[in-house]
Amino acid sequence: MGLYRVGVIVTYRRELRDPEGETIHKDLLQKTGYDKVREVRVGKYLDLLVEAESSIEAVKYVREMCSKLRIYNPVVHSLEVIPLG
């Protein structure tokens, strides 16, 4: 058993609007001269320390946890689970 850091990124699905990201893009970045930014997507980030046999098992465990506990809504959100070390 070891400890593995796992990152979870929850964002709106690509095909859906991201009102908060649009506001940051239009009302903050473009109005202050940062006009090279073409899109902003906002999300949530979780950084977890998980006890598991391997980083692969830690990622599987976290993915299952996120689905079962409804940490995200699969109808409107995308979930990315990544090993961080």
PDB file of N, CA and C in Angstrom:
ATOM      1  N   MET A   1       0.845  -1.186   0.000  1.00  0.00           N
ATOM      2  CA  MET A   1       0.000   0.000   0.000  1.00  0.00           C
ATOM      3  C   MET A   1       0.887   1.244   0.000  1.00  0.00           C
ATOM      4  N   GLY A   2       0.425   2.232  -0.733  1.00  0.00           N
ATOM      5  CA  GLY A   2       1.122   3.500  -0.759  1.00  0.00           C
ATOM      6  C   GLY A   2       0.121   4.639  -0.810  1.00  0.00           C
ATOM      7  N   LEU A   3       0.628   5.849  -0.734  1.00  0.00           N
ATOM      8  CA  LEU A   3      -0.219   7.032  -0.846  1.00  0.00           C
ATOM      9  C   LEU A   3      -0.008   7.656  -2.217  1.00  0.00           C
ATOM     10  N   TYR A   4      -1.104   7.961  -2.883  1.00  0.00           N
ATOM     11  CA  TYR A   4      -1.062   8.515  -4.233  1.00  0.00           C
ATOM     12  C   TYR A   4      -1.937   9.760  -4.296  1.00  0.00           C
ATOM     13  N   ARG A   5      -1.408  10.792  -4.905  1.00  0.00           N
ATOM     14  CA  ARG A   5      -2.168  12.027  -5.085  1.00  0.00           C
ATOM     15  C   ARG A   5      -2.923  11.915  -6.408  1.00  0.00           C
ATOM     16  N   VAL A   6      -4.211  12.220  -6.351  1.00  0.00           N
ATOM     17  CA  VAL A   6      -5.088  12.133  -7.524  1.00  0.00           C
ATOM     18  C   VAL A   6      -5.818  13.457  -7.686  1.00  0.00           C
ATOM     19  N   GLY A   7      -5.823  13.990  -8.892  1.00  0.00           N
ATOM     20  CA  GLY A   7      -6.535  15.221  -9.186  1.00  0.00           C
ATOM     21  C   GLY A   7      -7.855  14.934  -9.877  1.00  0.00           C
ATOM     22  N   VAL A   8      -8.865  15.696  -9.532  1.00  0.00           N
ATOM     23  CA  VAL A   8     -10.185  15.580 -10.153  1.00  0.00           C
ATOM     24  C   VAL A   8     -10.556  16.955 -10.699  1.00  0.00           C
ATOM     25  N   ILE A   9     -10.891  17.008 -11.984  1.00  0.00           N
ATOM     26  CA  ILE A   9     -11.309  18.252 -12.616  1.00  0.00           C
ATOM     27  C   ILE A   9     -12.733  18.066 -13.129  1.00  0.00           C
ATOM     28  N   VAL A  10     -13.631  18.931 -12.664  1.00  0.00           N
ATOM     29  CA  VAL A  10     -15.035  18.897 -13.077  1.00  0.00           C
ATOM     30  C   VAL A  10     -15.326  20.183 -13.845  1.00  0.00           C
ATOM     31  N   THR A  11     -15.775  20.049 -15.087  1.00  0.00           N
ATOM     32  CA  THR A  11     -16.121  21.206 -15.913  1.00  0.00           C
ATOM     33  C   THR A  11     -17.437  20.935 -16.628  1.00  0.00           C
ATOM     34  N   TYR A  12     -18.035  22.006 -17.150  1.00  0.00           N
ATOM     35  CA  TYR A  12     -19.219  21.816 -17.997  1.00  0.00           C
ATOM     36  C   TYR A  12     -18.803  21.055 -19.247  1.00  0.00           C
ATOM     37  N   ARG A  13     -19.675  20.204 -19.728  1.00  0.00           N
ATOM     38  CA  ARG A  13     -19.404  19.478 -20.964  1.00  0.00           C
ATOM     39  C   ARG A  13     -19.170  20.473 -22.090  1.00  0.00           C
ATOM     40  N   ARG A  14     -18.305  20.137 -23.021  1.00  0.00           N
ATOM     41  CA  ARG A  14     -17.903  21.032 -24.110  1.00  0.00           C
ATOM     42  C   ARG A  14     -19.092  21.553 -24.917  1.00  0.00           C
ATOM     43  N   GLU A  15     -20.102  20.734 -25.092  1.00  0.00           N
ATOM     44  CA  GLU A  15     -21.235  21.146 -25.924  1.00  0.00           C
ATOM     45  C   GLU A  15     -22.190  22.093 -25.191  1.00  0.00           C
ATOM     46  N   LEU A  16     -21.970  22.304 -23.906  1.00  0.00           N
ATOM     47  CA  LEU A  16     -22.829  23.191 -23.119  1.00  0.00           C
ATOM     48  C   LEU A  16     -22.143  24.526 -22.867  1.00  0.00           C
ATOM     49  N   ARG A  17     -22.947  25.560 -22.714  1.00  0.00           N
ATOM     50  CA  ARG A  17     -22.419  26.887 -22.373  1.00  0.00           C
ATOM     51  C   ARG A  17     -21.812  26.872 -20.977  1.00  0.00           C
ATOM     52  N   ASP A  18     -20.835  27.734 -20.790  1.00  0.00           N
ATOM     53  CA  ASP A  18     -20.224  27.929 -19.487  1.00  0.00           C
ATOM     54  C   ASP A  18     -20.376  29.415 -19.163  1.00  0.00           C
ATOM     55  N   PRO A  19     -21.502  29.812 -18.545  1.00  0.00           N
ATOM     56  CA  PRO A  19     -21.780  31.225 -18.302  1.00  0.00           C
ATOM     57  C   PRO A  19     -20.693  31.938 -17.501  1.00  0.00           C
ATOM     58  N   GLU A  20     -20.141  31.294 -16.504  1.00  0.00           N
ATOM     59  CA  GLU A  20     -19.097  31.929 -15.698  1.00  0.00           C
ATOM     60  C   GLU A  20     -17.830  32.148 -16.526  1.00  0.00           C
ATOM     61  N   GLY A  21     -17.468  31.162 -17.311  1.00  0.00           N
ATOM     62  CA  GLY A  21     -16.314  31.298 -18.191  1.00  0.00           C
ATOM     63  C   GLY A  21     -16.517  32.388 -19.226  1.00  0.00           C
ATOM     64  N   GLU A  22     -17.734  32.471 -19.788  1.00  0.00           N
ATOM     65  CA  GLU A  22     -18.046  33.511 -20.765  1.00  0.00           C
ATOM     66  C   GLU A  22     -17.939  34.901 -20.144  1.00  0.00           C
ATOM     67  N   THR A  23     -18.408  35.051 -18.910  1.00  0.00           N
ATOM     68  CA  THR A  23     -18.341  36.346 -18.220  1.00  0.00           C
ATOM     69  C   THR A  23     -16.891  36.757 -17.985  1.00  0.00           C
ATOM     70  N   ILE A  24     -16.075  35.827 -17.531  1.00  0.00           N
ATOM     71  CA  ILE A  24     -14.656  36.135 -17.318  1.00  0.00           C
ATOM     72  C   ILE A  24     -14.008  36.541 -18.637  1.00  0.00           C
ATOM     73  N   HIS A  25     -14.335  35.823 -19.694  1.00  0.00           N
ATOM     74  CA  HIS A  25     -13.752  36.109 -21.009  1.00  0.00           C
ATOM     75  C   HIS A  25     -14.168  37.484 -21.521  1.00  0.00           C
ATOM     76  N   LYS A  26     -15.470  37.764 -21.520  1.00  0.00           N
ATOM     77  CA  LYS A  26     -15.983  39.007 -22.113  1.00  0.00           C
ATOM     78  C   LYS A  26     -15.792  40.222 -21.207  1.00  0.00           C
ATOM     79  N   ASP A  27     -16.132  40.072 -19.941  1.00  0.00           N
ATOM     80  CA  ASP A  27     -16.174  41.235 -19.044  1.00  0.00           C
ATOM     81  C   ASP A  27     -14.872  41.502 -18.304  1.00  0.00           C
ATOM     82  N   LEU A  28     -13.951  40.599 -18.341  1.00  0.00           N
ATOM     83  CA  LEU A  28     -12.687  40.832 -17.647  1.00  0.00           C
ATOM     84  C   LEU A  28     -11.513  40.837 -18.628  1.00  0.00           C
ATOM     85  N   LEU A  29     -11.306  39.721 -19.293  1.00  0.00           N
ATOM     86  CA  LEU A  29     -10.121  39.606 -20.141  1.00  0.00           C
ATOM     87  C   LEU A  29     -10.157  40.516 -21.357  1.00  0.00           C
ATOM     88  N   GLN A  30     -11.232  40.457 -22.131  1.00  0.00           N
ATOM     89  CA  GLN A  30     -11.296  41.278 -23.344  1.00  0.00           C
ATOM     90  C   GLN A  30     -11.305  42.773 -23.025  1.00  0.00           C
ATOM     91  N   LYS A  31     -12.007  43.158 -21.965  1.00  0.00           N
ATOM     92  CA  LYS A  31     -12.111  44.580 -21.621  1.00  0.00           C
ATOM     93  C   LYS A  31     -10.814  45.153 -21.049  1.00  0.00           C
ATOM     94  N   THR A  32      -9.913  44.289 -20.627  1.00  0.00           N
ATOM     95  CA  THR A  32      -8.645  44.772 -20.078  1.00  0.00           C
ATOM     96  C   THR A  32      -7.470  44.516 -21.023  1.00  0.00           C
ATOM     97  N   GLY A  33      -7.785  44.186 -22.285  1.00  0.00           N
ATOM     98  CA  GLY A  33      -6.745  44.075 -23.294  1.00  0.00           C
ATOM     99  C   GLY A  33      -6.183  42.688 -23.537  1.00  0.00           C
ATOM    100  N   TYR A  34      -6.674  41.699 -22.835  1.00  0.00           N
ATOM    101  CA  TYR A  34      -6.198  40.330 -23.053  1.00  0.00           C
ATOM    102  C   TYR A  34      -7.043  39.671 -24.139  1.00  0.00           C
ATOM    103  N   ASP A  35      -6.904  40.198 -25.350  1.00  0.00           N
ATOM    104  CA  ASP A  35      -7.772  39.782 -26.454  1.00  0.00           C
ATOM    105  C   ASP A  35      -7.251  38.577 -27.224  1.00  0.00           C
ATOM    106  N   LYS A  36      -6.143  38.003 -26.822  1.00  0.00           N
ATOM    107  CA  LYS A  36      -5.631  36.800 -27.482  1.00  0.00           C
ATOM    108  C   LYS A  36      -6.249  35.525 -26.895  1.00  0.00           C
ATOM    109  N   VAL A  37      -6.895  35.651 -25.746  1.00  0.00           N
ATOM    110  CA  VAL A  37      -7.591  34.503 -25.141  1.00  0.00           C
ATOM    111  C   VAL A  37      -8.876  34.274 -25.919  1.00  0.00           C
ATOM    112  N   ARG A  38      -9.087  33.088 -26.405  1.00  0.00           N
ATOM    113  CA  ARG A  38     -10.243  32.776 -27.247  1.00  0.00           C
ATOM    114  C   ARG A  38     -11.400  32.120 -26.493  1.00  0.00           C
ATOM    115  N   GLU A  39     -11.109  31.490 -25.366  1.00  0.00           N
ATOM    116  CA  GLU A  39     -12.173  30.813 -24.618  1.00  0.00           C
ATOM    117  C   GLU A  39     -11.723  30.638 -23.177  1.00  0.00           C
ATOM    118  N   VAL A  40     -12.676  30.705 -22.266  1.00  0.00           N
ATOM    119  CA  VAL A  40     -12.427  30.428 -20.850  1.00  0.00           C
ATOM    120  C   VAL A  40     -13.465  29.413 -20.396  1.00  0.00           C
ATOM    121  N   ARG A  41     -13.007  28.344 -19.776  1.00  0.00           N
ATOM    122  CA  ARG A  41     -13.890  27.347 -19.171  1.00  0.00           C
ATOM    123  C   ARG A  41     -13.572  27.317 -17.685  1.00  0.00           C
ATOM    124  N   VAL A  42     -14.594  27.330 -16.858  1.00  0.00           N
ATOM    125  CA  VAL A  42     -14.432  27.336 -15.412  1.00  0.00           C
ATOM    126  C   VAL A  42     -14.819  25.965 -14.882  1.00  0.00           C
ATOM    127  N   GLY A  43     -14.152  25.529 -13.842  1.00  0.00           N
ATOM    128  CA  GLY A  43     -14.477  24.233 -13.268  1.00  0.00           C
ATOM    129  C   GLY A  43     -14.101  24.165 -11.804  1.00  0.00           C
ATOM    130  N   LYS A  44     -14.186  22.962 -11.280  1.00  0.00           N
ATOM    131  CA  LYS A  44     -13.814  22.691  -9.891  1.00  0.00           C
ATOM    132  C   LYS A  44     -12.638  21.722  -9.913  1.00  0.00           C
ATOM    133  N   TYR A  45     -11.758  21.880  -8.937  1.00  0.00           N
ATOM    134  CA  TYR A  45     -10.595  21.012  -8.847  1.00  0.00           C
ATOM    135  C   TYR A  45     -10.499  20.424  -7.443  1.00  0.00           C
ATOM    136  N   LEU A  46     -10.322  19.122  -7.376  1.00  0.00           N
ATOM    137  CA  LEU A  46     -10.120  18.447  -6.101  1.00  0.00           C
ATOM    138  C   LEU A  46      -8.752  17.784  -6.137  1.00  0.00           C
ATOM    139  N   ASP A  47      -8.021  17.874  -5.061  1.00  0.00           N
ATOM    140  CA  ASP A  47      -6.713  17.245  -4.924  1.00  0.00           C
ATOM    141  C   ASP A  47      -6.824  16.264  -3.766  1.00  0.00           C
ATOM    142  N   LEU A  48      -6.735  14.983  -4.072  1.00  0.00           N
ATOM    143  CA  LEU A  48      -6.975  13.940  -3.063  1.00  0.00           C
ATOM    144  C   LEU A  48      -5.708  13.126  -2.821  1.00  0.00           C
ATOM    145  N   LEU A  49      -5.494  12.716  -1.586  1.00  0.00           N
ATOM    146  CA  LEU A  49      -4.424  11.799  -1.224  1.00  0.00           C
ATOM    147  C   LEU A  49      -5.094  10.472  -0.882  1.00  0.00           C
ATOM    148  N   VAL A  50      -4.778   9.441  -1.675  1.00  0.00           N
ATOM    149  CA  VAL A  50      -5.503   8.169  -1.594  1.00  0.00           C
ATOM    150  C   VAL A  50      -4.537   7.030  -1.265  1.00  0.00           C
ATOM    151  N   GLU A  51      -4.942   6.174  -0.359  1.00  0.00           N
ATOM    152  CA  GLU A  51      -4.171   4.973  -0.061  1.00  0.00           C
ATOM    153  C   GLU A  51      -4.615   3.873  -1.018  1.00  0.00           C
ATOM    154  N   ALA A  52      -3.661   3.311  -1.769  1.00  0.00           N
ATOM    155  CA  ALA A  52      -3.992   2.278  -2.756  1.00  0.00           C
ATOM    156  C   ALA A  52      -2.752   1.455  -3.075  1.00  0.00           C
ATOM    157  N   GLU A  53      -2.967   0.387  -3.811  1.00  0.00           N
ATOM    158  CA  GLU A  53      -1.867  -0.499  -4.227  1.00  0.00           C
ATOM    159  C   GLU A  53      -1.001   0.140  -5.315  1.00  0.00           C
ATOM    160  N   SER A  54      -1.617   0.987  -6.160  1.00  0.00           N
ATOM    161  CA  SER A  54      -0.890   1.627  -7.260  1.00  0.00           C
ATOM    162  C   SER A  54      -1.625   2.904  -7.649  1.00  0.00           C
ATOM    163  N   SER A  55      -0.977   3.720  -8.475  1.00  0.00           N
ATOM    164  CA  SER A  55      -1.644   4.943  -8.934  1.00  0.00           C
ATOM    165  C   SER A  55      -2.843   4.609  -9.812  1.00  0.00           C
ATOM    166  N   ILE A  56      -2.765   3.516 -10.551  1.00  0.00           N
ATOM    167  CA  ILE A  56      -3.896   3.090 -11.392  1.00  0.00           C
ATOM    168  C   ILE A  56      -5.090   2.741 -10.512  1.00  0.00           C
ATOM    169  N   GLU A  57      -4.843   2.015  -9.430  1.00  0.00           N
ATOM    170  CA  GLU A  57      -5.924   1.658  -8.502  1.00  0.00           C
ATOM    171  C   GLU A  57      -6.485   2.897  -7.809  1.00  0.00           C
ATOM    172  N   ALA A  58      -5.630   3.856  -7.484  1.00  0.00           N
ATOM    173  CA  ALA A  58      -6.089   5.095  -6.844  1.00  0.00           C
ATOM    174  C   ALA A  58      -7.016   5.866  -7.779  1.00  0.00           C
ATOM    175  N   VAL A  59      -6.658   5.940  -9.049  1.00  0.00           N
ATOM    176  CA  VAL A  59      -7.494   6.631 -10.036  1.00  0.00           C
ATOM    177  C   VAL A  59      -8.830   5.915 -10.186  1.00  0.00           C
ATOM    178  N   LYS A  60      -8.816   4.599 -10.278  1.00  0.00           N
ATOM    179  CA  LYS A  60     -10.062   3.831 -10.395  1.00  0.00           C
ATOM    180  C   LYS A  60     -10.960   4.057  -9.176  1.00  0.00           C
ATOM    181  N   TYR A  61     -10.363   4.053  -8.009  1.00  0.00           N
ATOM    182  CA  TYR A  61     -11.091   4.261  -6.754  1.00  0.00           C
ATOM    183  C   TYR A  61     -11.761   5.636  -6.732  1.00  0.00           C
ATOM    184  N   VAL A  62     -11.010   6.667  -7.110  1.00  0.00           N
ATOM    185  CA  VAL A  62     -11.541   8.031  -7.103  1.00  0.00           C
ATOM    186  C   VAL A  62     -12.636   8.194  -8.165  1.00  0.00           C
ATOM    187  N   ARG A  63     -12.429   7.622  -9.344  1.00  0.00           N
ATOM    188  CA  ARG A  63     -13.455   7.707 -10.399  1.00  0.00           C
ATOM    189  C   ARG A  63     -14.761   7.068  -9.920  1.00  0.00           C
ATOM    190  N   GLU A  64     -14.663   5.893  -9.304  1.00  0.00           N
ATOM    191  CA  GLU A  64     -15.850   5.211  -8.769  1.00  0.00           C
ATOM    192  C   GLU A  64     -16.516   6.053  -7.686  1.00  0.00           C
ATOM    193  N   MET A  65     -15.709   6.615  -6.789  1.00  0.00           N
ATOM    194  CA  MET A  65     -16.221   7.445  -5.709  1.00  0.00           C
ATOM    195  C   MET A  65     -16.989   8.645  -6.258  1.00  0.00           C
ATOM    196  N   CYS A  66     -16.403   9.316  -7.251  1.00  0.00           N
ATOM    197  CA  CYS A  66     -17.043  10.499  -7.842  1.00  0.00           C
ATOM    198  C   CYS A  66     -18.389  10.144  -8.479  1.00  0.00           C
ATOM    199  N   SER A  67     -18.445   8.993  -9.127  1.00  0.00           N
ATOM    200  CA  SER A  67     -19.693   8.571  -9.768  1.00  0.00           C
ATOM    201  C   SER A  67     -20.749   8.174  -8.746  1.00  0.00           C
ATOM    202  N   LYS A  68     -20.377   7.340  -7.795  1.00  0.00           N
ATOM    203  CA  LYS A  68     -21.350   6.849  -6.813  1.00  0.00           C
ATOM    204  C   LYS A  68     -21.870   7.952  -5.891  1.00  0.00           C
ATOM    205  N   LEU A  69     -20.997   8.891  -5.530  1.00  0.00           N
ATOM    206  CA  LEU A  69     -21.395   9.940  -4.590  1.00  0.00           C
ATOM    207  C   LEU A  69     -21.904  11.193  -5.294  1.00  0.00           C
ATOM    208  N   ARG A  70     -21.967  11.136  -6.607  1.00  0.00           N
ATOM    209  CA  ARG A  70     -22.488  12.256  -7.416  1.00  0.00           C
ATOM    210  C   ARG A  70     -21.731  13.555  -7.138  1.00  0.00           C
ATOM    211  N   ILE A  71     -20.410  13.454  -7.093  1.00  0.00           N
ATOM    212  CA  ILE A  71     -19.586  14.634  -6.923  1.00  0.00           C
ATOM    213  C   ILE A  71     -19.707  15.530  -8.149  1.00  0.00           C
ATOM    214  N   TYR A  72     -20.149  14.958  -9.242  1.00  0.00           N
ATOM    215  CA  TYR A  72     -20.430  15.705 -10.470  1.00  0.00           C
ATOM    216  C   TYR A  72     -21.720  15.178 -11.071  1.00  0.00           C
ATOM    217  N   ASN A  73     -22.314  15.967 -11.943  1.00  0.00           N
ATOM    218  CA  ASN A  73     -23.534  15.565 -12.630  1.00  0.00           C
ATOM    219  C   ASN A  73     -23.169  15.189 -14.059  1.00  0.00           C
ATOM    220  N   PRO A  74     -23.185  13.893 -14.401  1.00  0.00           N
ATOM    221  CA  PRO A  74     -22.743  13.468 -15.732  1.00  0.00           C
ATOM    222  C   PRO A  74     -23.596  14.015 -16.881  1.00  0.00           C
ATOM    223  N   VAL A  75     -24.766  14.528 -16.585  1.00  0.00           N
ATOM    224  CA  VAL A  75     -25.606  15.101 -17.632  1.00  0.00           C
ATOM    225  C   VAL A  75     -25.009  16.423 -18.128  1.00  0.00           C
ATOM    226  N   VAL A  76     -24.441  17.212 -17.222  1.00  0.00           N
ATOM    227  CA  VAL A  76     -23.926  18.533 -17.610  1.00  0.00           C
ATOM    228  C   VAL A  76     -22.416  18.694 -17.425  1.00  0.00           C
ATOM    229  N   HIS A  77     -21.773  17.779 -16.703  1.00  0.00           N
ATOM    230  CA  HIS A  77     -20.350  17.935 -16.408  1.00  0.00           C
ATOM    231  C   HIS A  77     -19.498  16.854 -17.067  1.00  0.00           C
ATOM    232  N   SER A  78     -18.260  17.222 -17.309  1.00  0.00           N
ATOM    233  CA  SER A  78     -17.228  16.268 -17.692  1.00  0.00           C
ATOM    234  C   SER A  78     -16.342  16.054 -16.473  1.00  0.00           C
ATOM    235  N   LEU A  79     -15.831  14.851 -16.344  1.00  0.00           N
ATOM    236  CA  LEU A  79     -14.980  14.505 -15.214  1.00  0.00           C
ATOM    237  C   LEU A  79     -13.648  14.027 -15.755  1.00  0.00           C
ATOM    238  N   GLU A  80     -12.569  14.575 -15.217  1.00  0.00           N
ATOM    239  CA  GLU A  80     -11.234  14.109 -15.551  1.00  0.00           C
ATOM    240  C   GLU A  80     -10.541  13.744 -14.252  1.00  0.00           C
ATOM    241  N   VAL A  81     -10.051  12.515 -14.171  1.00  0.00           N
ATOM    242  CA  VAL A  81      -9.350  12.032 -12.983  1.00  0.00           C
ATOM    243  C   VAL A  81      -7.929  11.694 -13.419  1.00  0.00           C
ATOM    244  N   ILE A  82      -6.950  12.342 -12.781  1.00  0.00           N
ATOM    245  CA  ILE A  82      -5.569  12.180 -13.227  1.00  0.00           C
ATOM    246  C   ILE A  82      -4.644  11.868 -12.048  1.00  0.00           C
ATOM    247  N   PRO A  83      -3.707  10.941 -12.257  1.00  0.00           N
ATOM    248  CA  PRO A  83      -2.726  10.680 -11.204  1.00  0.00           C
ATOM    249  C   PRO A  83      -1.724  11.830 -11.134  1.00  0.00           C
ATOM    250  N   LEU A  84      -1.424  12.275  -9.927  1.00  0.00           N
ATOM    251  CA  LEU A  84      -0.486  13.388  -9.748  1.00  0.00           C
ATOM    252  C   LEU A  84       0.820  12.924  -9.107  1.00  0.00           C
ATOM    253  N   GLY A  85       0.850  11.695  -8.663  1.00  0.00           N
ATOM    254  CA  GLY A  85       2.087  11.197  -8.063  1.00  0.00           C
ATOM    255  C   GLY A  85       1.857  10.344  -6.858  1.00  0.00           C
TER     256      GLY A  85
END
